[in-house]
Amino acid sequence: MRTVFFILLSFSLSLCAEKKPNIIFIMADDLGYTDLGCYGQDKIQTPNLDQMAREGMKFTQAYSGSPVCAPARSTLMTGQHTGSTTVRSNTGKGGVVGLGGRAGRIPLEAEDITIAQVLKDAGYVTGMMGKWGLGEPNTSGVPNKKGFDEFVGFLNQKRAHTYYPDYMWRNEQKWILEVNKEEPKTDYTHDIFTNESLNFIKRHKEKPFFLYIPYCVPHDDYEVPSLGEYKNKPWSQNEKAYAAMVSRMDTNIGKILDLLKELKIDDNTYVFFTSDNGAAKRWENIDSCGPLKGKKRDVYEGGIRVPMIVRAPGKIPENVVSDTAWYFPDVLPTLTDISSAKAPENIDGVSILPTLKGQTQDLTKRIMYWEFYEKAGSRAIRLGDWKAVQYGLNGKAKSIELYNLKNDIGETNNLAKSYPEKVALTQKVFKEFHKPSKYFFWKSKTK
């Protein structure tokens, strides 16, 4: 009898030891690089994210895959940079008319493989609560066709910017929010996403799960149920609302972290936090960009450098500040390494799991690449400490700019004339990393 007991005990312990880690990936919308206390913010209170940084790793040189919404999410989901991923701008040639009324919404295609599909195939329960932006209704890009078992939120990014809508989506069905049909509207989407996330975690605590939470805050419209401690600040109304939205997000992330501890799955859960791109505004009273040049829709640092915090008690070291440079295409291979899944072969990213484990990982020779189709049209690369930028691709292409970010984080000193060999390398990379797209084109011819 005792022998049977110990066999069963050993089997049970073996199952516990072999349980794949849970993964939660939280992403804010238009949150600036310096909008959190742990990144230097002194006007907005973010105690939970600051604590998360102390309990994990804070990255000072993490990047989005694009300076705007849809392509950033495409690079995140597919592990491909904007020279090869399907969705390279918010709108393109063809596509469909979105729920927000705008034409040219390009969906992920049937052959595009997402993080959710890879993890689902590896035995994970997959859920998403928030803003999608990669497929309108009845297209190949809706979340439930891209690997998500459960989805609550917005398909269309334009509609996602209304915080008291009359409907959202639950999987592929419209979910009518009856209380928002008349004033006062009370169903605040950010709180809904948090509550749905908490319920998802409770329901799937016994299984390995992947939960993607692309919050809509603090993107405009600047709507929030309460201005809280910012009500009497001598700021503009939008600044007050922006700060309150960031703090409300911080509070709700605290609820998620507390639940993990309550359910005793905290030590088997990786939690990532980031923003989809740089800050949309450079406020008068709130410093959202710090020393960075530009903002959202720029391939300068202010448009693509984002906060990134990763926490996993017992799995990654605590209170570490890392200057390892990495970006959204690296998320898919990193998560596949964490889950022991197999990444697709056609990705552009690399796993940074060794860095997360506190090991030495030299990524200084890898190239990060961005191309962007809005505004003037632009592209950029980063190689080691060097950053090259080119604008004017939707008109008369401008000369390549070259910066050494180690000495010039604000991209103020253009060194292109002093390093012609690096400019020549940049031209070569621009050509090699861009794969033609049937949806996206610059207006000028590029070399």
Protein backbone atom coordinates (compact mmCIF):
# COMPACT_ATOMS: atom_id res chain seq x y z
CA MET A 1 0.00 0.00 0.00
CA ARG A 2 2.82 2.38 0.94
CA THR A 3 4.53 1.55 -2.35
CA VAL A 4 1.40 2.52 -4.30
CA PHE A 5 1.12 5.73 -2.30
CA PHE A 6 4.68 6.78 -3.08
CA ILE A 7 4.26 5.90 -6.74
CA LEU A 8 1.16 8.10 -6.94
CA LEU A 9 2.91 10.86 -4.99
CA SER A 10 5.91 10.73 -7.30
CA PHE A 11 3.65 10.81 -10.33
CA SER A 12 1.75 13.79 -8.93
CA LEU A 13 4.95 15.68 -8.17
CA SER A 14 6.23 14.89 -11.64
CA LEU A 15 3.09 16.35 -13.20
CA CYS A 16 3.46 19.51 -11.14
CA ALA A 17 7.10 19.87 -12.11
CA GLU A 18 6.31 19.41 -15.78
CA LYS A 19 3.47 21.96 -15.95
CA LYS A 20 4.30 24.54 -18.54
CA PRO A 21 4.52 28.10 -17.24
CA ASN A 22 1.60 30.46 -17.75
CA ILE A 23 2.23 33.58 -19.82
CA ILE A 24 0.45 36.93 -19.49
CA PHE A 25 1.33 39.68 -21.96
CA ILE A 26 -0.11 43.09 -21.06
CA MET A 27 0.17 45.98 -23.50
CA ALA A 28 -0.90 49.59 -23.03
CA ASP A 29 -1.92 51.79 -25.96
CA ASP A 30 0.14 54.94 -26.66
CA LEU A 31 1.89 54.86 -23.28
CA GLY A 32 5.12 56.83 -23.44
CA TYR A 33 8.59 55.57 -22.52
CA THR A 34 8.73 57.71 -19.38
CA ASP A 35 5.10 57.48 -18.24
CA LEU A 36 5.84 55.04 -15.38
CA GLY A 37 7.49 55.89 -12.09
CA CYS A 38 10.13 53.22 -12.62
CA TYR A 39 11.10 54.98 -15.86
CA GLY A 40 11.40 58.39 -14.26
CA GLN A 41 7.82 59.70 -14.21
CA ASP A 42 7.11 61.93 -11.19
CA LYS A 43 3.60 63.21 -12.04
CA ILE A 44 1.69 59.94 -12.50
CA GLN A 45 1.43 57.31 -9.79
CA THR A 46 2.15 53.72 -10.91
CA PRO A 47 3.01 51.79 -7.72
CA ASN A 48 2.09 48.33 -8.99
CA LEU A 49 4.14 48.51 -12.17
CA ASP A 50 6.99 50.03 -10.18
CA GLN A 51 6.79 47.05 -7.81
CA MET A 52 6.64 44.68 -10.78
CA ALA A 53 9.89 46.22 -12.03
CA ARG A 54 11.53 45.68 -8.64
CA GLU A 55 10.40 42.06 -8.65
CA GLY A 56 11.59 41.40 -12.19
CA MET A 57 13.53 42.93 -15.06
CA LYS A 58 13.14 46.42 -16.47
CA PHE A 59 14.46 46.99 -19.97
CA THR A 60 15.75 50.39 -20.98
CA GLN A 61 16.19 49.61 -24.69
CA ALA A 62 13.07 47.69 -25.68
CA TYR A 63 11.25 48.62 -28.86
CA SER A 64 7.89 48.21 -30.50
CA GLY A 65 7.83 46.76 -33.99
CA SER A 66 6.24 49.93 -35.39
CA PRO A 67 5.41 53.50 -34.32
CA VAL A 68 1.68 52.92 -34.78
CA CYS A 69 -1.07 50.51 -33.74
CA ALA A 70 -1.87 47.78 -36.29
CA PRO A 71 1.64 47.02 -37.61
CA ALA A 72 3.05 46.99 -34.07
CA ARG A 73 0.51 44.30 -33.18
CA SER A 74 1.26 42.40 -36.37
CA THR A 75 4.98 42.23 -35.57
CA LEU A 76 4.14 41.13 -32.03
CA MET A 77 1.81 38.36 -33.12
CA THR A 78 3.86 37.00 -36.06
CA GLY A 79 7.47 37.48 -34.97
CA GLN A 80 8.15 39.29 -38.25
CA HIS A 81 9.36 42.87 -38.64
CA THR A 82 7.51 45.40 -40.79
CA GLY A 83 9.59 44.51 -43.84
CA SER A 84 7.93 41.10 -43.96
CA THR A 85 4.83 40.97 -41.73
CA THR A 86 1.42 41.19 -43.45
CA VAL A 87 0.06 44.31 -41.69
CA ARG A 88 2.57 47.15 -42.13
CA SER A 89 0.35 50.19 -41.57
CA ASN A 90 -3.10 51.00 -40.22
CA THR A 91 -4.43 51.05 -43.79
CA GLY A 92 -3.22 49.76 -47.13
CA LYS A 93 -4.28 49.09 -50.69
CA GLY A 94 -7.21 46.70 -50.84
CA GLY A 95 -8.42 45.10 -47.64
CA VAL A 96 -11.88 45.88 -46.31
CA VAL A 97 -13.86 48.81 -44.97
CA GLY A 98 -13.52 48.64 -41.22
CA LEU A 99 -16.22 48.95 -38.57
CA GLY A 100 -14.96 52.48 -37.95
CA GLY A 101 -15.78 53.40 -41.55
CA ARG A 102 -12.27 53.56 -42.93
CA ALA A 103 -11.25 51.60 -46.05
CA GLY A 104 -8.06 49.60 -46.45
CA ARG A 105 -8.09 47.59 -43.23
CA ILE A 106 -5.74 44.69 -43.95
CA PRO A 107 -6.32 41.44 -41.99
CA LEU A 108 -3.79 38.82 -41.08
CA GLU A 109 -3.93 36.15 -43.75
CA ALA A 110 -4.77 32.48 -43.30
CA GLU A 111 -1.13 31.46 -43.62
CA ASP A 112 0.07 33.93 -40.98
CA ILE A 113 1.00 32.04 -37.79
CA THR A 114 0.55 33.89 -34.51
CA ILE A 115 1.87 33.41 -30.99
CA ALA A 116 -1.58 32.20 -29.94
CA GLN A 117 -1.64 29.50 -32.61
CA VAL A 118 1.80 28.24 -31.64
CA LEU A 119 0.98 28.13 -27.93
CA LYS A 120 -2.44 26.60 -28.52
CA ASP A 121 -0.76 23.79 -30.48
CA ALA A 122 1.61 23.37 -27.52
CA GLY A 123 -1.32 22.70 -25.16
CA TYR A 124 -2.08 26.19 -23.88
CA VAL A 125 -5.53 27.65 -23.31
CA THR A 126 -5.41 31.01 -25.07
CA GLY A 127 -7.34 34.18 -24.32
CA MET A 128 -7.33 37.80 -25.40
CA MET A 129 -9.08 40.74 -23.75
CA GLY A 130 -8.72 44.11 -25.47
CA LYS A 131 -7.91 45.74 -28.79
CA TRP A 132 -7.04 43.53 -31.76
CA GLY A 133 -6.72 45.64 -34.94
CA LEU A 134 -5.61 42.76 -37.20
CA GLY A 135 -8.86 41.60 -38.75
CA GLU A 136 -12.39 42.89 -39.21
CA PRO A 137 -15.46 40.61 -38.89
CA ASN A 138 -15.66 37.72 -41.36
CA THR A 139 -12.02 38.02 -42.42
CA SER A 140 -9.13 35.60 -42.04
CA GLY A 141 -7.67 37.78 -39.28
CA VAL A 142 -10.22 37.57 -36.47
CA PRO A 143 -8.74 36.39 -33.15
CA ASN A 144 -10.62 33.09 -33.02
CA LYS A 145 -9.09 32.15 -36.38
CA LYS A 146 -5.66 33.20 -35.19
CA GLY A 147 -5.39 30.85 -32.23
CA PHE A 148 -7.41 32.47 -29.46
CA ASP A 149 -9.87 30.21 -27.68
CA GLU A 150 -11.52 33.18 -25.99
CA PHE A 151 -11.74 36.80 -27.13
CA VAL A 152 -13.48 39.82 -25.63
CA GLY A 153 -12.85 43.26 -27.05
CA PHE A 154 -12.56 45.31 -30.21
CA LEU A 155 -11.73 44.09 -33.69
CA ASN A 156 -11.45 47.57 -35.18
CA GLN A 157 -8.84 49.92 -33.71
CA LYS A 158 -10.88 53.07 -34.42
CA ARG A 159 -13.84 51.82 -32.39
CA ALA A 160 -11.45 50.82 -29.59
CA HIS A 161 -10.93 54.47 -28.75
CA THR A 162 -14.46 54.87 -27.39
CA TYR A 163 -14.49 53.74 -23.77
CA TYR A 164 -18.28 53.56 -23.36
CA PRO A 165 -19.35 51.77 -26.58
CA ASP A 166 -22.74 50.23 -27.24
CA TYR A 167 -21.14 46.93 -28.19
CA MET A 168 -17.92 44.94 -28.27
CA TRP A 169 -17.17 41.41 -29.45
CA ARG A 170 -17.24 38.18 -27.51
CA ASN A 171 -15.53 35.73 -29.82
CA GLU A 172 -17.22 36.24 -33.21
CA GLN A 173 -20.50 37.55 -31.85
CA LYS A 174 -21.46 41.12 -31.00
CA TRP A 175 -21.81 41.68 -27.28
CA ILE A 176 -24.36 44.47 -26.71
CA LEU A 177 -23.61 46.71 -23.73
CA GLU A 178 -27.16 47.71 -22.88
CA VAL A 179 -26.26 50.13 -20.09
CA ASN A 180 -24.21 52.24 -22.51
CA LYS A 181 -27.18 52.97 -24.78
CA GLU A 182 -28.36 55.77 -22.49
CA GLU A 183 -26.77 58.25 -20.11
CA PRO A 184 -25.11 57.79 -17.73
CA LYS A 185 -23.00 55.14 -19.44
CA THR A 186 -21.31 52.90 -16.91
CA ASP A 187 -19.62 49.98 -18.68
CA TYR A 188 -16.02 51.21 -19.00
CA THR A 189 -14.14 48.97 -21.42
CA HIS A 190 -10.84 49.01 -19.57
CA ASP A 191 -12.51 47.65 -16.42
CA ILE A 192 -14.35 45.05 -18.49
CA PHE A 193 -11.06 43.79 -19.95
CA THR A 194 -9.60 43.51 -16.45
CA ASN A 195 -12.59 41.63 -15.07
CA GLU A 196 -12.65 39.27 -18.04
CA SER A 197 -8.93 38.66 -17.56
CA LEU A 198 -9.38 37.86 -13.88
CA ASN A 199 -12.18 35.43 -14.72
CA PHE A 200 -10.08 33.79 -17.42
CA ILE A 201 -7.24 33.21 -14.96
CA LYS A 202 -9.58 31.75 -12.34
CA ARG A 203 -11.19 29.38 -14.83
CA HIS A 204 -7.91 28.12 -16.27
CA LYS A 205 -5.63 28.15 -13.24
CA GLU A 206 -5.07 24.39 -13.47
CA LYS A 207 -3.92 24.49 -17.09
CA PRO A 208 -1.09 26.29 -18.81
CA PHE A 209 -2.59 29.45 -20.25
CA PHE A 210 -1.57 32.35 -22.47
CA LEU A 211 -3.45 35.55 -21.79
CA TYR A 212 -2.94 38.57 -24.05
CA ILE A 213 -4.29 41.83 -22.61
CA PRO A 214 -3.91 44.70 -25.11
CA TYR A 215 -5.53 47.47 -23.10
CA CYS A 216 -6.87 50.56 -24.92
CA VAL A 217 -5.73 53.07 -22.27
CA PRO A 218 -4.30 55.68 -22.35
CA HIS A 219 -5.13 56.25 -26.05
CA ASP A 220 -7.53 59.10 -26.74
CA ASP A 221 -10.49 59.67 -26.35
CA TYR A 222 -9.40 60.70 -22.88
CA GLU A 223 -12.32 59.25 -20.94
CA VAL A 224 -12.13 57.85 -17.42
CA PRO A 225 -14.77 57.26 -14.70
CA SER A 226 -12.85 59.35 -12.17
CA LEU A 227 -9.96 61.80 -12.28
CA GLY A 228 -9.03 60.67 -8.78
CA GLU A 229 -6.00 62.38 -7.28
CA TYR A 230 -5.47 64.39 -10.48
CA LYS A 231 -8.81 66.21 -10.30
CA ASN A 232 -7.40 69.45 -8.92
CA LYS A 233 -4.09 69.47 -10.75
CA PRO A 234 -3.40 72.73 -12.66
CA TRP A 235 -3.30 70.83 -15.94
CA SER A 236 -5.51 70.58 -19.01
CA GLN A 237 -8.54 68.31 -18.75
CA ASN A 238 -6.97 65.83 -21.17
CA GLU A 239 -3.75 65.68 -19.14
CA LYS A 240 -5.74 64.94 -15.98
CA ALA A 241 -7.68 62.20 -17.75
CA TYR A 242 -4.50 60.76 -19.27
CA ALA A 243 -2.81 60.52 -15.87
CA ALA A 244 -5.94 58.99 -14.33
CA MET A 245 -6.13 56.40 -17.12
CA VAL A 246 -2.53 55.35 -16.54
CA SER A 247 -3.05 55.07 -12.78
CA ARG A 248 -6.29 53.13 -13.26
CA MET A 249 -4.43 50.69 -15.52
CA ASP A 250 -1.75 50.34 -12.85
CA THR A 251 -4.37 49.56 -10.21
CA ASN A 252 -5.98 46.90 -12.39
CA ILE A 253 -2.64 45.29 -13.19
CA GLY A 254 -2.14 45.13 -9.43
CA LYS A 255 -5.37 43.12 -9.20
CA ILE A 256 -4.05 40.64 -11.75
CA LEU A 257 -0.75 40.23 -9.92
CA ASP A 258 -2.58 39.81 -6.58
CA LEU A 259 -4.81 37.11 -8.06
CA LEU A 260 -1.80 35.12 -9.25
CA LYS A 261 -0.50 35.11 -5.67
CA GLU A 262 -3.92 34.22 -4.24
CA LEU A 263 -4.26 31.26 -6.61
CA LYS A 264 -0.67 30.19 -5.86
CA ILE A 265 0.34 30.25 -9.52
CA ASP A 266 2.49 33.34 -9.18
CA ASP A 267 5.72 31.34 -9.26
CA ASN A 268 4.76 29.63 -12.51
CA THR A 269 3.63 32.67 -14.47
CA TYR A 270 5.61 35.02 -16.69
CA VAL A 271 4.06 38.50 -16.84
CA PHE A 272 5.16 40.97 -19.52
CA PHE A 273 4.18 44.63 -19.65
CA THR A 274 4.82 47.07 -22.49
CA SER A 275 3.22 49.69 -24.78
CA ASP A 276 2.29 49.27 -28.43
CA ASN A 277 4.29 52.35 -29.51
CA GLY A 278 5.57 55.66 -28.18
CA ALA A 279 3.48 58.44 -26.68
CA ALA A 280 0.92 60.13 -28.93
CA LYS A 281 1.48 63.54 -27.34
CA ARG A 282 4.26 65.48 -25.73
CA TRP A 283 2.22 67.02 -22.92
CA GLU A 284 2.89 70.41 -21.39
CA ASN A 285 2.90 69.14 -17.80
CA ILE A 286 3.57 65.40 -18.14
CA ASP A 287 6.86 64.19 -19.59
CA SER A 288 5.90 61.08 -21.57
CA CYS A 289 9.01 60.90 -23.78
CA GLY A 290 11.90 62.08 -21.64
CA PRO A 291 15.04 62.69 -23.72
CA LEU A 292 13.71 60.83 -26.76
CA LYS A 293 13.18 62.53 -30.10
CA GLY A 294 9.76 62.37 -31.75
CA LYS A 295 6.59 60.55 -30.73
CA LYS A 296 4.03 58.12 -32.13
CA ARG A 297 4.30 57.79 -35.94
CA ASP A 298 8.02 58.58 -35.87
CA VAL A 299 10.79 56.02 -36.33
CA TYR A 300 12.89 58.21 -34.09
CA GLU A 301 13.23 56.81 -30.55
CA GLY A 302 10.16 58.62 -29.21
CA GLY A 303 7.94 56.68 -31.59
CA ILE A 304 9.30 53.17 -31.06
CA ARG A 305 11.21 52.87 -27.77
CA VAL A 306 8.78 51.57 -25.14
CA PRO A 307 8.75 50.49 -21.50
CA MET A 308 9.18 46.73 -21.03
CA ILE A 309 8.94 44.93 -17.70
CA VAL A 310 9.06 41.16 -17.26
CA ARG A 311 8.34 39.38 -14.00
CA ALA A 312 8.48 35.67 -13.15
CA PRO A 313 9.30 34.90 -9.50
CA GLY A 314 11.95 32.21 -9.16
CA LYS A 315 12.50 32.07 -12.91
CA ILE A 316 14.13 35.39 -13.69
CA PRO A 317 16.23 37.55 -11.35
CA GLU A 318 14.66 40.38 -9.38
CA ASN A 319 15.37 44.10 -9.46
CA VAL A 320 17.45 43.98 -12.64
CA VAL A 321 17.78 46.84 -15.10
CA SER A 322 18.85 45.52 -18.50
CA ASP A 323 20.15 47.53 -21.44
CA THR A 324 19.73 44.59 -23.84
CA ALA A 325 18.14 45.95 -27.01
CA TRP A 326 15.23 43.90 -28.36
CA TYR A 327 11.84 44.41 -29.99
CA PHE A 328 8.39 42.99 -30.70
CA PRO A 329 9.46 40.42 -33.33
CA ASP A 330 11.50 38.80 -30.53
CA VAL A 331 8.43 38.13 -28.39
CA LEU A 332 7.19 35.09 -30.35
CA PRO A 333 10.49 33.15 -30.22
CA THR A 334 10.92 34.14 -26.57
CA LEU A 335 7.49 32.80 -25.63
CA THR A 336 8.04 29.61 -27.62
CA ASP A 337 11.27 29.08 -25.69
CA ILE A 338 9.48 29.67 -22.40
CA SER A 339 6.76 27.17 -23.34
CA SER A 340 9.08 24.63 -25.08
CA ALA A 341 7.01 25.10 -28.24
CA LYS A 342 8.40 25.26 -31.75
CA ALA A 343 8.55 28.63 -33.47
CA PRO A 344 7.63 29.03 -37.14
CA GLU A 345 10.59 29.10 -39.52
CA ASN A 346 9.73 32.38 -41.24
CA ILE A 347 10.22 34.72 -38.28
CA ASP A 348 12.66 37.60 -37.96
CA GLY A 349 13.01 37.74 -34.19
CA VAL A 350 15.34 36.01 -31.75
CA SER A 351 14.60 34.62 -28.29
CA ILE A 352 15.77 36.74 -25.38
CA LEU A 353 15.04 34.02 -22.80
CA PRO A 354 18.74 33.75 -21.89
CA THR A 355 18.68 37.43 -20.93
CA LEU A 356 15.52 36.88 -18.89
CA LYS A 357 17.29 34.10 -17.01
CA GLY A 358 20.15 36.43 -16.18
CA GLN A 359 22.59 34.87 -18.62
CA THR A 360 24.94 36.83 -20.85
CA GLN A 361 23.45 37.28 -24.32
CA ASP A 362 25.22 39.34 -26.96
CA LEU A 363 22.71 40.82 -29.40
CA THR A 364 24.89 43.73 -30.48
CA LYS A 365 25.47 42.28 -33.95
CA ARG A 366 21.83 41.62 -34.80
CA ILE A 367 19.87 44.15 -36.85
CA MET A 368 16.47 45.50 -35.88
CA TYR A 369 14.43 46.94 -38.73
CA TRP A 370 11.41 49.22 -39.14
CA GLU A 371 9.56 50.58 -42.16
CA PHE A 372 6.58 52.90 -41.94
CA TYR A 373 4.07 54.06 -44.56
CA GLU A 374 2.21 56.94 -42.93
CA LYS A 375 3.15 60.64 -42.90
CA ALA A 376 6.35 61.25 -44.87
CA GLY A 377 7.16 57.54 -45.15
CA SER A 378 10.18 56.34 -43.20
CA ARG A 379 12.43 53.44 -42.29
CA ALA A 380 15.12 52.73 -39.72
CA ILE A 381 17.58 50.14 -38.49
CA ARG A 382 19.46 49.61 -35.27
CA LEU A 383 22.77 47.73 -35.12
CA GLY A 384 24.58 47.79 -31.81
CA ASP A 385 24.70 51.38 -30.59
CA TRP A 386 24.07 52.73 -34.09
CA LYS A 387 20.70 53.88 -35.39
CA ALA A 388 20.04 54.87 -39.01
CA VAL A 389 16.88 56.69 -40.09
CA GLN A 390 15.52 57.80 -43.45
CA TYR A 391 12.46 59.95 -44.08
CA GLY A 392 10.65 61.25 -47.17
CA LEU A 393 9.77 57.92 -48.79
CA ASN A 394 6.33 59.25 -49.67
CA GLY A 395 7.87 62.12 -51.62
CA LYS A 396 11.45 63.10 -52.26
CA ALA A 397 13.53 60.70 -50.18
CA LYS A 398 15.82 62.46 -47.73
CA SER A 399 19.38 61.47 -46.94
CA ILE A 400 20.01 58.77 -44.38
CA GLU A 401 20.61 60.06 -40.85
CA LEU A 402 23.01 58.24 -38.52
CA TYR A 403 23.14 58.42 -34.71
CA ASN A 404 25.13 56.77 -31.94
CA LEU A 405 22.51 56.12 -29.27
CA LYS A 406 25.07 55.34 -26.58
CA ASN A 407 26.27 58.92 -26.70
CA ASP A 408 23.18 60.58 -28.18
CA ILE A 409 19.89 59.06 -27.04
CA GLY A 410 18.07 62.18 -28.28
CA GLU A 411 19.26 61.69 -31.88
CA THR A 412 20.56 65.25 -32.11
CA ASN A 413 23.97 64.71 -33.76
CA ASN A 414 23.73 63.30 -37.29
CA LEU A 415 27.00 61.46 -37.98
CA ALA A 416 26.19 60.26 -41.50
CA LYS A 417 28.92 62.33 -43.18
CA SER A 418 31.54 61.04 -40.77
CA TYR A 419 30.73 57.34 -41.28
CA PRO A 420 29.98 56.74 -44.99
CA GLU A 421 30.62 53.00 -44.59
CA LYS A 422 27.76 52.72 -42.08
CA VAL A 423 25.47 54.64 -44.41
CA ALA A 424 26.38 52.23 -47.22
CA LEU A 425 25.61 49.27 -44.92
CA THR A 426 22.28 50.86 -44.05
CA GLN A 427 21.34 51.15 -47.73
CA LYS A 428 22.16 47.47 -48.16
CA VAL A 429 20.08 46.48 -45.13
CA PHE A 430 17.13 48.58 -46.30
CA LYS A 431 17.16 46.69 -49.58
CA GLU A 432 17.63 43.22 -48.08
CA PHE A 433 15.13 43.50 -45.24
CA HIS A 434 12.24 44.85 -47.31
CA LYS A 435 10.03 42.23 -48.94
CA PRO A 436 7.51 43.60 -51.45
CA SER A 437 3.92 43.76 -50.22
CA LYS A 438 0.72 43.70 -52.25
CA TYR A 439 -0.89 46.04 -49.72
CA PHE A 440 1.73 48.66 -48.81
CA PHE A 441 3.78 50.99 -50.99
CA TRP A 442 5.84 54.13 -50.57
CA LYS A 443 5.02 56.85 -53.08
CA SER A 444 8.64 57.42 -54.07
CA LYS A 445 11.02 54.88 -55.53
CA THR A 446 13.49 53.54 -53.00
CA LYS A 447 16.96 52.20 -53.55
